[in-house]
């Protein structure tokens, strides 16, 4: 049910260890989570790409839910309160996401 969630799409590009990484990631949380807190989390994630490499933060778009299909998803991270969906990752960028997901307490779902 789409109205059960709030979501943000974060798009950006940054350099890491000599590689340019383009990402388009969507985070979602239940509507029961405080909207101001959720928006702060999304904006902080967007700022991270600027701090990592090129000085330019990612752009944020607010959505009702994250679009499908995605390349993969991390469900139940951050204490079960957030899900992440990943798009536009190259094979190398996608390869590290399952381990990162587990480290954040989530469960990785690859898209076949």
PDB file of N, CA and C in Angstrom:
ATOM      1  N   UNK A   1       0.844  -1.177   0.000  1.00  0.00           N
ATOM      2  CA  UNK A   1       0.000   0.000   0.000  1.00  0.00           C
ATOM      3  C   UNK A   1       0.891   1.242   0.000  1.00  0.00           C
ATOM      4  N   UNK A   2       0.838   2.042  -1.053  1.00  0.00           N
ATOM      5  CA  UNK A   2       1.756   3.157  -1.241  1.00  0.00           C
ATOM      6  C   UNK A   2       1.669   4.184  -0.123  1.00  0.00           C
ATOM      7  N   UNK A   3       0.473   4.470   0.399  1.00  0.00           N
ATOM      8  CA  UNK A   3       0.369   5.507   1.412  1.00  0.00           C
ATOM      9  C   UNK A   3       0.884   5.066   2.777  1.00  0.00           C
ATOM     10  N   UNK A   4       1.361   3.854   2.884  1.00  0.00           N
ATOM     11  CA  UNK A   4       1.934   3.372   4.141  1.00  0.00           C
ATOM     12  C   UNK A   4       3.381   3.829   4.301  1.00  0.00           C
ATOM     13  N   UNK A   5       3.975   4.396   3.240  1.00  0.00           N
ATOM     14  CA  UNK A   5       5.385   4.760   3.262  1.00  0.00           C
ATOM     15  C   UNK A   5       5.607   6.225   2.928  1.00  0.00           C
ATOM     16  N   UNK A   6       6.783   6.699   3.291  1.00  0.00           N
ATOM     17  CA  UNK A   6       7.342   7.953   2.810  1.00  0.00           C
ATOM     18  C   UNK A   6       8.711   7.589   2.242  1.00  0.00           C
ATOM     19  N   UNK A   7       9.123   8.253   1.177  1.00  0.00           N
ATOM     20  CA  UNK A   7      10.365   7.854   0.511  1.00  0.00           C
ATOM     21  C   UNK A   7      11.110   9.068  -0.024  1.00  0.00           C
ATOM     22  N   UNK A   8      12.413   8.882  -0.212  1.00  0.00           N
ATOM     23  CA  UNK A   8      13.235   9.910  -0.847  1.00  0.00           C
ATOM     24  C   UNK A   8      14.175   9.243  -1.842  1.00  0.00           C
ATOM     25  N   UNK A   9      14.278   9.834  -3.017  1.00  0.00           N
ATOM     26  CA  UNK A   9      15.218   9.377  -4.041  1.00  0.00           C
ATOM     27  C   UNK A   9      16.410  10.320  -3.993  1.00  0.00           C
ATOM     28  N   UNK A  10      17.591   9.746  -3.813  1.00  0.00           N
ATOM     29  CA  UNK A  10      18.820  10.530  -3.742  1.00  0.00           C
ATOM     30  C   UNK A  10      19.671  10.173  -4.957  1.00  0.00           C
ATOM     31  N   UNK A  11      19.988  11.169  -5.764  1.00  0.00           N
ATOM     32  CA  UNK A  11      20.804  10.943  -6.959  1.00  0.00           C
ATOM     33  C   UNK A  11      22.076  11.766  -6.845  1.00  0.00           C
ATOM     34  N   UNK A  12      23.187  11.146  -7.169  1.00  0.00           N
ATOM     35  CA  UNK A  12      24.450  11.861  -7.093  1.00  0.00           C
ATOM     36  C   UNK A  12      25.574  11.124  -7.771  1.00  0.00           C
ATOM     37  N   UNK A  13      26.707  11.785  -7.782  1.00  0.00           N
ATOM     38  CA  UNK A  13      27.908  11.220  -8.378  1.00  0.00           C
ATOM     39  C   UNK A  13      29.072  11.645  -7.498  1.00  0.00           C
ATOM     40  N   UNK A  14      29.941  10.720  -7.183  1.00  0.00           N
ATOM     41  CA  UNK A  14      31.106  11.065  -6.373  1.00  0.00           C
ATOM     42  C   UNK A  14      32.289  10.210  -6.768  1.00  0.00           C
ATOM     43  N   UNK A  15      33.462  10.670  -6.371  1.00  0.00           N
ATOM     44  CA  UNK A  15      34.692   9.936  -6.676  1.00  0.00           C
ATOM     45  C   UNK A  15      35.172   9.247  -5.414  1.00  0.00           C
ATOM     46  N   UNK A  16      35.548   7.990  -5.574  1.00  0.00           N
ATOM     47  CA  UNK A  16      36.057   7.203  -4.459  1.00  0.00           C
ATOM     48  C   UNK A  16      37.177   6.320  -4.986  1.00  0.00           C
ATOM     49  N   UNK A  17      38.365   6.476  -4.420  1.00  0.00           N
ATOM     50  CA  UNK A  17      39.536   5.695  -4.819  1.00  0.00           C
ATOM     51  C   UNK A  17      39.742   5.730  -6.340  1.00  0.00           C
ATOM     52  N   UNK A  18      39.629   6.925  -6.908  1.00  0.00           N
ATOM     53  CA  UNK A  18      39.883   7.103  -8.327  1.00  0.00           C
ATOM     54  C   UNK A  18      38.739   6.730  -9.255  1.00  0.00           C
ATOM     55  N   UNK A  19      37.664   6.200  -8.706  1.00  0.00           N
ATOM     56  CA  UNK A  19      36.504   5.798  -9.516  1.00  0.00           C
ATOM     57  C   UNK A  19      35.384   6.819  -9.374  1.00  0.00           C
ATOM     58  N   UNK A  20      34.701   7.090 -10.460  1.00  0.00           N
ATOM     59  CA  UNK A  20      33.501   7.912 -10.393  1.00  0.00           C
ATOM     60  C   UNK A  20      32.322   6.968 -10.196  1.00  0.00           C
ATOM     61  N   UNK A  21      31.584   7.207  -9.136  1.00  0.00           N
ATOM     62  CA  UNK A  21      30.446   6.350  -8.808  1.00  0.00           C
ATOM     63  C   UNK A  21      29.168   7.164  -8.962  1.00  0.00           C
ATOM     64  N   UNK A  22      28.296   6.686  -9.810  1.00  0.00           N
ATOM     65  CA  UNK A  22      26.985   7.309  -9.983  1.00  0.00           C
ATOM     66  C   UNK A  22      25.993   6.457  -9.217  1.00  0.00           C
ATOM     67  N   UNK A  23      25.183   7.128  -8.442  1.00  0.00           N
ATOM     68  CA  UNK A  23      24.188   6.368  -7.691  1.00  0.00           C
ATOM     69  C   UNK A  23      22.838   7.059  -7.760  1.00  0.00           C
ATOM     70  N   UNK A  24      21.835   6.256  -7.682  1.00  0.00           N
ATOM     71  CA  UNK A  24      20.453   6.711  -7.545  1.00  0.00           C
ATOM     72  C   UNK A  24      19.845   5.716  -6.579  1.00  0.00           C
ATOM     73  N   UNK A  25      19.686   6.168  -5.351  1.00  0.00           N
ATOM     74  CA  UNK A  25      19.224   5.298  -4.273  1.00  0.00           C
ATOM     75  C   UNK A  25      17.938   5.865  -3.692  1.00  0.00           C
ATOM     76  N   UNK A  26      17.055   4.987  -3.292  1.00  0.00           N
ATOM     77  CA  UNK A  26      15.795   5.407  -2.695  1.00  0.00           C
ATOM     78  C   UNK A  26      15.692   4.802  -1.303  1.00  0.00           C
ATOM     79  N   UNK A  27      15.368   5.625  -0.336  1.00  0.00           N
ATOM     80  CA  UNK A  27      15.169   5.174   1.033  1.00  0.00           C
ATOM     81  C   UNK A  27      13.693   5.344   1.362  1.00  0.00           C
ATOM     82  N   UNK A  28      13.156   4.372   2.093  1.00  0.00           N
ATOM     83  CA  UNK A  28      11.764   4.526   2.510  1.00  0.00           C
ATOM     84  C   UNK A  28      11.624   4.116   3.969  1.00  0.00           C
ATOM     85  N   UNK A  29      10.605   4.688   4.579  1.00  0.00           N
ATOM     86  CA  UNK A  29      10.293   4.399   5.975  1.00  0.00           C
ATOM     87  C   UNK A  29       8.777   4.408   6.124  1.00  0.00           C
ATOM     88  N   UNK A  30       8.289   3.748   7.161  1.00  0.00           N
ATOM     89  CA  UNK A  30       6.838   3.783   7.382  1.00  0.00           C
ATOM     90  C   UNK A  30       6.382   5.207   7.701  1.00  0.00           C
ATOM     91  N   UNK A  31       5.164   5.526   7.336  1.00  0.00           N
ATOM     92  CA  UNK A  31       4.619   6.853   7.652  1.00  0.00           C
ATOM     93  C   UNK A  31       4.545   7.091   9.157  1.00  0.00           C
ATOM     94  N   UNK A  32       4.612   6.030   9.942  1.00  0.00           N
ATOM     95  CA  UNK A  32       4.587   6.196  11.395  1.00  0.00           C
ATOM     96  C   UNK A  32       5.876   6.826  11.914  1.00  0.00           C
ATOM     97  N   UNK A  33       6.952   6.781  11.112  1.00  0.00           N
ATOM     98  CA  UNK A  33       8.194   7.450  11.508  1.00  0.00           C
ATOM     99  C   UNK A  33       8.008   8.953  11.329  1.00  0.00           C
ATOM    100  N   UNK A  34       8.499   9.727  12.276  1.00  0.00           N
ATOM    101  CA  UNK A  34       8.389  11.179  12.236  1.00  0.00           C
ATOM    102  C   UNK A  34       8.933  11.723  10.904  1.00  0.00           C
ATOM    103  N   UNK A  35       8.111  12.505  10.196  1.00  0.00           N
ATOM    104  CA  UNK A  35       8.498  12.998   8.876  1.00  0.00           C
ATOM    105  C   UNK A  35       9.726  13.904   8.943  1.00  0.00           C
ATOM    106  N   UNK A  36       9.818  14.749   9.953  1.00  0.00           N
ATOM    107  CA  UNK A  36      10.973  15.646  10.069  1.00  0.00           C
ATOM    108  C   UNK A  36      12.262  14.850  10.258  1.00  0.00           C
ATOM    109  N   UNK A  37      12.206  13.794  11.048  1.00  0.00           N
ATOM    110  CA  UNK A  37      13.380  12.943  11.264  1.00  0.00           C
ATOM    111  C   UNK A  37      13.753  12.238   9.961  1.00  0.00           C
ATOM    112  N   UNK A  38      12.764  11.703   9.258  1.00  0.00           N
ATOM    113  CA  UNK A  38      13.026  11.021   7.994  1.00  0.00           C
ATOM    114  C   UNK A  38      13.657  11.982   6.987  1.00  0.00           C
ATOM    115  N   UNK A  39      13.116  13.175   6.869  1.00  0.00           N
ATOM    116  CA  UNK A  39      13.664  14.153   5.921  1.00  0.00           C
ATOM    117  C   UNK A  39      15.094  14.533   6.297  1.00  0.00           C
ATOM    118  N   UNK A  40      15.367  14.641   7.582  1.00  0.00           N
ATOM    119  CA  UNK A  40      16.728  14.960   8.018  1.00  0.00           C
ATOM    120  C   UNK A  40      17.680  13.833   7.631  1.00  0.00           C
ATOM    121  N   UNK A  41      17.245  12.590   7.792  1.00  0.00           N
ATOM    122  CA  UNK A  41      18.083  11.444   7.424  1.00  0.00           C
ATOM    123  C   UNK A  41      18.368  11.442   5.923  1.00  0.00           C
ATOM    124  N   UNK A  42      17.360  11.701   5.117  1.00  0.00           N
ATOM    125  CA  UNK A  42      17.545  11.727   3.663  1.00  0.00           C
ATOM    126  C   UNK A  42      18.494  12.850   3.255  1.00  0.00           C
ATOM    127  N   UNK A  43      18.302  14.032   3.821  1.00  0.00           N
ATOM    128  CA  UNK A  43      19.176  15.150   3.486  1.00  0.00           C
ATOM    129  C   UNK A  43      20.613  14.883   3.921  1.00  0.00           C
ATOM    130  N   UNK A  44      20.797  14.234   5.061  1.00  0.00           N
ATOM    131  CA  UNK A  44      22.147  13.887   5.526  1.00  0.00           C
ATOM    132  C   UNK A  44      22.807  12.897   4.568  1.00  0.00           C
ATOM    133  N   UNK A  45      22.049  11.922   4.080  1.00  0.00           N
ATOM    134  CA  UNK A  45      22.595  10.972   3.106  1.00  0.00           C
ATOM    135  C   UNK A  45      22.989  11.680   1.814  1.00  0.00           C
ATOM    136  N   UNK A  46      22.189  12.634   1.380  1.00  0.00           N
ATOM    137  CA  UNK A  46      22.504  13.383   0.163  1.00  0.00           C
ATOM    138  C   UNK A  46      23.780  14.201   0.343  1.00  0.00           C
ATOM    139  N   UNK A  47      23.988  14.752   1.520  1.00  0.00           N
ATOM    140  CA  UNK A  47      25.197  15.528   1.802  1.00  0.00           C
ATOM    141  C   UNK A  47      26.440  14.649   1.789  1.00  0.00           C
ATOM    142  N   UNK A  48      26.288  13.375   2.105  1.00  0.00           N
ATOM    143  CA  UNK A  48      27.427  12.462   2.195  1.00  0.00           C
ATOM    144  C   UNK A  48      28.195  12.378   0.887  1.00  0.00           C
ATOM    145  N   UNK A  49      27.505  12.358  -0.252  1.00  0.00           N
ATOM    146  CA  UNK A  49      28.221  12.248  -1.530  1.00  0.00           C
ATOM    147  C   UNK A  49      29.125  13.450  -1.754  1.00  0.00           C
ATOM    148  N   UNK A  50      28.716  14.612  -1.284  1.00  0.00           N
ATOM    149  CA  UNK A  50      29.569  15.789  -1.397  1.00  0.00           C
ATOM    150  C   UNK A  50      30.790  15.698  -0.505  1.00  0.00           C
ATOM    151  N   UNK A  51      30.625  15.121   0.655  1.00  0.00           N
ATOM    152  CA  UNK A  51      31.741  14.980   1.591  1.00  0.00           C
ATOM    153  C   UNK A  51      32.718  13.896   1.152  1.00  0.00           C
ATOM    154  N   UNK A  52      32.227  12.901   0.423  1.00  0.00           N
ATOM    155  CA  UNK A  52      33.089  11.796  -0.001  1.00  0.00           C
ATOM    156  C   UNK A  52      34.065  12.244  -1.073  1.00  0.00           C
ATOM    157  N   UNK A  53      33.608  13.057  -2.029  1.00  0.00           N
ATOM    158  CA  UNK A  53      34.531  13.278  -3.123  1.00  0.00           C
ATOM    159  C   UNK A  53      34.462  14.611  -3.820  1.00  0.00           C
ATOM    160  N   UNK A  54      33.361  14.913  -4.463  1.00  0.00           N
ATOM    161  CA  UNK A  54      33.360  16.048  -5.378  1.00  0.00           C
ATOM    162  C   UNK A  54      32.827  17.346  -4.790  1.00  0.00           C
ATOM    163  N   UNK A  55      32.420  17.368  -3.538  1.00  0.00           N
ATOM    164  CA  UNK A  55      31.936  18.580  -2.916  1.00  0.00           C
ATOM    165  C   UNK A  55      30.515  18.960  -3.278  1.00  0.00           C
ATOM    166  N   UNK A  56      29.867  18.177  -4.123  1.00  0.00           N
ATOM    167  CA  UNK A  56      28.500  18.482  -4.545  1.00  0.00           C
ATOM    168  C   UNK A  56      27.548  17.450  -3.948  1.00  0.00           C
ATOM    169  N   UNK A  57      26.602  17.900  -3.109  1.00  0.00           N
ATOM    170  CA  UNK A  57      25.662  16.937  -2.518  1.00  0.00           C
ATOM    171  C   UNK A  57      24.731  16.348  -3.567  1.00  0.00           C
ATOM    172  N   UNK A  58      24.191  15.174  -3.250  1.00  0.00           N
ATOM    173  CA  UNK A  58      23.203  14.557  -4.118  1.00  0.00           C
ATOM    174  C   UNK A  58      21.906  15.349  -4.084  1.00  0.00           C
ATOM    175  N   UNK A  59      21.074  15.139  -5.081  1.00  0.00           N
ATOM    176  CA  UNK A  59      19.769  15.793  -5.104  1.00  0.00           C
ATOM    177  C   UNK A  59      18.736  14.861  -4.477  1.00  0.00           C
ATOM    178  N   UNK A  60      17.737  15.447  -3.847  1.00  0.00           N
ATOM    179  CA  UNK A  60      16.707  14.676  -3.152  1.00  0.00           C
ATOM    180  C   UNK A  60      15.346  14.971  -3.775  1.00  0.00           C
ATOM    181  N   UNK A  61      14.602  13.912  -4.069  1.00  0.00           N
ATOM    182  CA  UNK A  61      13.212  14.032  -4.517  1.00  0.00           C
ATOM    183  C   UNK A  61      12.354  13.242  -3.533  1.00  0.00           C
ATOM    184  N   UNK A  62      11.228  13.813  -3.140  1.00  0.00           N
ATOM    185  CA  UNK A  62      10.343  13.170  -2.163  1.00  0.00           C
ATOM    186  C   UNK A  62       9.259  12.392  -2.891  1.00  0.00           C
ATOM    187  N   UNK A  63       9.047  11.139  -2.472  1.00  0.00           N
ATOM    188  CA  UNK A  63       8.119  10.226  -3.141  1.00  0.00           C
ATOM    189  C   UNK A  63       7.189   9.564  -2.125  1.00  0.00           C
ATOM    190  N   UNK A  64       6.149   8.919  -2.638  1.00  0.00           N
ATOM    191  CA  UNK A  64       5.254   8.124  -1.793  1.00  0.00           C
ATOM    192  C   UNK A  64       5.859   6.760  -1.474  1.00  0.00           C
ATOM    193  N   UNK A  65       6.632   6.216  -2.416  1.00  0.00           N
ATOM    194  CA  UNK A  65       7.278   4.913  -2.239  1.00  0.00           C
ATOM    195  C   UNK A  65       8.421   4.837  -3.242  1.00  0.00           C
ATOM    196  N   UNK A  66       9.299   3.904  -3.065  1.00  0.00           N
ATOM    197  CA  UNK A  66      10.420   3.706  -3.987  1.00  0.00           C
ATOM    198  C   UNK A  66       9.948   2.921  -5.205  1.00  0.00           C
ATOM    199  N   UNK A  67      10.370   3.342  -6.407  1.00  0.00           N
ATOM    200  CA  UNK A  67       9.938   2.634  -7.615  1.00  0.00           C
ATOM    201  C   UNK A  67      10.563   1.248  -7.737  1.00  0.00           C
ATOM    202  N   UNK A  68       9.887   0.387  -8.453  1.00  0.00           N
ATOM    203  CA  UNK A  68      10.390  -0.944  -8.781  1.00  0.00           C
ATOM    204  C   UNK A  68      10.376  -1.062 -10.294  1.00  0.00           C
ATOM    205  N   UNK A  69      11.238  -1.839 -10.872  1.00  0.00           N
ATOM    206  CA  UNK A  69      12.234  -2.684 -10.211  1.00  0.00           C
ATOM    207  C   UNK A  69      13.467  -1.879  -9.818  1.00  0.00           C
ATOM    208  N   UNK A  70      14.195  -2.405  -8.872  1.00  0.00           N
ATOM    209  CA  UNK A  70      15.487  -1.866  -8.457  1.00  0.00           C
ATOM    210  C   UNK A  70      16.528  -2.946  -8.722  1.00  0.00           C
ATOM    211  N   UNK A  71      17.794  -2.573  -8.689  1.00  0.00           N
ATOM    212  CA  UNK A  71      18.852  -3.579  -8.865  1.00  0.00           C
ATOM    213  C   UNK A  71      18.950  -4.488  -7.645  1.00  0.00           C
ATOM    214  N   UNK A  72      18.561  -3.971  -6.515  1.00  0.00           N
ATOM    215  CA  UNK A  72      18.582  -4.733  -5.275  1.00  0.00           C
ATOM    216  C   UNK A  72      18.013  -3.878  -4.163  1.00  0.00           C
ATOM    217  N   UNK A  73      17.745  -4.495  -3.026  1.00  0.00           N
ATOM    218  CA  UNK A  73      17.199  -3.743  -1.900  1.00  0.00           C
ATOM    219  C   UNK A  73      17.744  -4.273  -0.587  1.00  0.00           C
ATOM    220  N   UNK A  74      17.814  -3.366   0.372  1.00  0.00           N
ATOM    221  CA  UNK A  74      18.236  -3.692   1.732  1.00  0.00           C
ATOM    222  C   UNK A  74      17.027  -3.425   2.620  1.00  0.00           C
ATOM    223  N   UNK A  75      16.424  -4.484   3.117  1.00  0.00           N
ATOM    224  CA  UNK A  75      15.180  -4.357   3.877  1.00  0.00           C
ATOM    225  C   UNK A  75      15.442  -4.440   5.369  1.00  0.00           C
ATOM    226  N   UNK A  76      14.815  -3.551   6.111  1.00  0.00           N
ATOM    227  CA  UNK A  76      14.875  -3.602   7.566  1.00  0.00           C
ATOM    228  C   UNK A  76      16.155  -3.081   8.185  1.00  0.00           C
ATOM    229  N   UNK A  77      16.854  -2.187   7.494  1.00  0.00           N
ATOM    230  CA  UNK A  77      18.082  -1.650   8.091  1.00  0.00           C
ATOM    231  C   UNK A  77      17.745  -0.575   9.117  1.00  0.00           C
ATOM    232  N   UNK A  78      18.740  -0.161   9.856  1.00  0.00           N
ATOM    233  CA  UNK A  78      18.577   0.882  10.879  1.00  0.00           C
ATOM    234  C   UNK A  78      17.507   0.485  11.891  1.00  0.00           C
ATOM    235  N   UNK A  79      17.643  -0.686  12.437  1.00  0.00           N
ATOM    236  CA  UNK A  79      16.690  -1.138  13.443  1.00  0.00           C
ATOM    237  C   UNK A  79      15.343  -1.516  12.871  1.00  0.00           C
ATOM    238  N   UNK A  80      15.312  -1.849  11.590  1.00  0.00           N
ATOM    239  CA  UNK A  80      14.061  -2.266  10.963  1.00  0.00           C
ATOM    240  C   UNK A  80      13.194  -1.125  10.492  1.00  0.00           C
ATOM    241  N   UNK A  81      13.674   0.108  10.631  1.00  0.00           N
ATOM    242  CA  UNK A  81      12.850   1.269  10.308  1.00  0.00           C
ATOM    243  C   UNK A  81      12.992   1.785   8.886  1.00  0.00           C
ATOM    244  N   UNK A  82      13.999   1.304   8.143  1.00  0.00           N
ATOM    245  CA  UNK A  82      14.199   1.825   6.792  1.00  0.00           C
ATOM    246  C   UNK A  82      14.514   0.705   5.810  1.00  0.00           C
ATOM    247  N   UNK A  83      14.109   0.933   4.576  1.00  0.00           N
ATOM    248  CA  UNK A  83      14.461   0.056   3.464  1.00  0.00           C
ATOM    249  C   UNK A  83      15.188   0.910   2.432  1.00  0.00           C
ATOM    250  N   UNK A  84      16.183   0.329   1.786  1.00  0.00           N
ATOM    251  CA  UNK A  84      16.907   1.026   0.734  1.00  0.00           C
ATOM    252  C   UNK A  84      16.775   0.276  -0.578  1.00  0.00           C
ATOM    253  N   UNK A  85      16.604   1.010  -1.671  1.00  0.00           N
ATOM    254  CA  UNK A  85      16.496   0.439  -3.007  1.00  0.00           C
ATOM    255  C   UNK A  85      17.557   1.104  -3.875  1.00  0.00           C
ATOM    256  N   UNK A  86      18.229   0.317  -4.700  1.00  0.00           N
ATOM    257  CA  UNK A  86      19.406   0.792  -5.422  1.00  0.00           C
ATOM    258  C   UNK A  86      19.220   0.659  -6.926  1.00  0.00           C
ATOM    259  N   UNK A  87      19.622   1.717  -7.654  1.00  0.00           N
ATOM    260  CA  UNK A  87      19.454   1.824  -9.102  1.00  0.00           C
ATOM    261  C   UNK A  87      20.747   2.400  -9.694  1.00  0.00           C
ATOM    262  N   UNK A  88      20.974   2.145 -10.950  1.00  0.00           N
ATOM    263  CA  UNK A  88      22.065   2.759 -11.713  1.00  0.00           C
ATOM    264  C   UNK A  88      23.457   2.479 -11.148  1.00  0.00           C
ATOM    265  N   UNK A  89      23.644   1.362 -10.489  1.00  0.00           N
ATOM    266  CA  UNK A  89      24.973   0.990  -9.994  1.00  0.00           C
ATOM    267  C   UNK A  89      25.652   0.104 -11.023  1.00  0.00           C
ATOM    268  N   UNK A  90      26.969   0.310 -11.211  1.00  0.00           N
ATOM    269  CA  UNK A  90      27.695  -0.620 -12.068  1.00  0.00           C
ATOM    270  C   UNK A  90      27.950  -1.896 -11.268  1.00  0.00           C
ATOM    271  N   UNK A  91      28.460  -2.923 -11.932  1.00  0.00           N
ATOM    272  CA  UNK A  91      28.638  -4.230 -11.283  1.00  0.00           C
ATOM    273  C   UNK A  91      29.521  -4.130 -10.046  1.00  0.00           C
ATOM    274  N   UNK A  92      30.584  -3.342 -10.131  1.00  0.00           N
ATOM    275  CA  UNK A  92      31.490  -3.203  -8.988  1.00  0.00           C
ATOM    276  C   UNK A  92      30.811  -2.488  -7.820  1.00  0.00           C
ATOM    277  N   UNK A  93      30.053  -1.438  -8.125  1.00  0.00           N
ATOM    278  CA  UNK A  93      29.342  -0.710  -7.079  1.00  0.00           C
ATOM    279  C   UNK A  93      28.249  -1.535  -6.436  1.00  0.00           C
ATOM    280  N   UNK A  94      27.604  -2.359  -7.220  1.00  0.00           N
ATOM    281  CA  UNK A  94      26.530  -3.214  -6.714  1.00  0.00           C
ATOM    282  C   UNK A  94      27.075  -4.352  -5.856  1.00  0.00           C
ATOM    283  N   UNK A  95      28.271  -4.822  -6.175  1.00  0.00           N
ATOM    284  CA  UNK A  95      28.845  -5.986  -5.484  1.00  0.00           C
ATOM    285  C   UNK A  95      29.044  -5.770  -3.987  1.00  0.00           C
ATOM    286  N   UNK A  96      29.330  -4.548  -3.563  1.00  0.00           N
ATOM    287  CA  UNK A  96      29.576  -4.293  -2.149  1.00  0.00           C
ATOM    288  C   UNK A  96      28.330  -4.025  -1.327  1.00  0.00           C
ATOM    289  N   UNK A  97      27.195  -3.880  -1.977  1.00  0.00           N
ATOM    290  CA  UNK A  97      25.978  -3.522  -1.247  1.00  0.00           C
ATOM    291  C   UNK A  97      25.460  -4.601  -0.298  1.00  0.00           C
ATOM    292  N   UNK A  98      25.493  -5.900  -0.645  1.00  0.00           N
ATOM    293  CA  UNK A  98      24.990  -6.895   0.311  1.00  0.00           C
ATOM    294  C   UNK A  98      25.723  -6.857   1.656  1.00  0.00           C
ATOM    295  N   UNK A  99      27.043  -6.720   1.622  1.00  0.00           N
ATOM    296  CA  UNK A  99      27.816  -6.661   2.868  1.00  0.00           C
ATOM    297  C   UNK A  99      27.491  -5.390   3.652  1.00  0.00           C
ATOM    298  N   UNK A 100      27.371  -4.286   2.948  1.00  0.00           N
ATOM    299  CA  UNK A 100      27.014  -3.022   3.584  1.00  0.00           C
ATOM    300  C   UNK A 100      25.624  -3.110   4.213  1.00  0.00           C
ATOM    301  N   UNK A 101      24.701  -3.751   3.529  1.00  0.00           N
ATOM    302  CA  UNK A 101      23.337  -3.932   4.029  1.00  0.00           C
ATOM    303  C   UNK A 101      23.340  -4.717   5.335  1.00  0.00           C
ATOM    304  N   UNK A 102      24.068  -5.811   5.345  1.00  0.00           N
ATOM    305  CA  UNK A 102      24.153  -6.643   6.550  1.00  0.00           C
ATOM    306  C   UNK A 102      24.752  -5.852   7.706  1.00  0.00           C
ATOM    307  N   UNK A 103      25.774  -5.041   7.414  1.00  0.00           N
ATOM    308  CA  UNK A 103      26.416  -4.230   8.453  1.00  0.00           C
ATOM    309  C   UNK A 103      25.444  -3.214   9.053  1.00  0.00           C
ATOM    310  N   UNK A 104      24.443  -2.787   8.273  1.00  0.00           N
ATOM    311  CA  UNK A 104      23.442  -1.839   8.764  1.00  0.00           C
ATOM    312  C   UNK A 104      22.248  -2.546   9.397  1.00  0.00           C
ATOM    313  N   UNK A 105      22.332  -3.868   9.528  1.00  0.00           N
ATOM    314  CA  UNK A 105      21.273  -4.620  10.181  1.00  0.00           C
ATOM    315  C   UNK A 105      20.138  -5.033   9.273  1.00  0.00           C
ATOM    316  N   UNK A 106      20.328  -4.913   7.963  1.00  0.00           N
ATOM    317  CA  UNK A 106      19.267  -5.257   7.024  1.00  0.00           C
ATOM    318  C   UNK A 106      19.475  -6.602   6.367  1.00  0.00           C
ATOM    319  N   UNK A 107      18.513  -6.969   5.549  1.00  0.00           N
ATOM    320  CA  UNK A 107      18.583  -8.193   4.764  1.00  0.00           C
ATOM    321  C   UNK A 107      18.588  -7.842   3.288  1.00  0.00           C
ATOM    322  N   UNK A 108      19.580  -8.333   2.554  1.00  0.00           N
ATOM    323  CA  UNK A 108      19.737  -8.009   1.138  1.00  0.00           C
ATOM    324  C   UNK A 108      18.824  -8.858   0.273  1.00  0.00           C
ATOM    325  N   UNK A 109      18.181  -8.221  -0.702  1.00  0.00           N
ATOM    326  CA  UNK A 109      17.372  -8.907  -1.706  1.00  0.00           C
ATOM    327  C   UNK A 109      17.890  -8.517  -3.069  1.00  0.00           C
ATOM    328  N   UNK A 110      18.483  -9.472  -3.772  1.00  0.00           N
ATOM    329  CA  UNK A 110      18.949  -9.221  -5.135  1.00  0.00           C
ATOM    330  C   UNK A 110      17.782  -9.383  -6.090  1.00  0.00           C
ATOM    331  N   UNK A 111      17.817  -8.628  -7.160  1.00  0.00           N
ATOM    332  CA  UNK A 111      16.799  -8.771  -8.191  1.00  0.00           C
ATOM    333  C   UNK A 111      17.353  -9.712  -9.248  1.00  0.00           C
ATOM    334  N   UNK A 112      16.651 -10.811  -9.522  1.00  0.00           N
ATOM    335  CA  UNK A 112      17.164 -11.786 -10.502  1.00  0.00           C
ATOM    336  C   UNK A 112      17.236 -11.217 -11.903  1.00  0.00           C
TER     337      UNK A 112
END
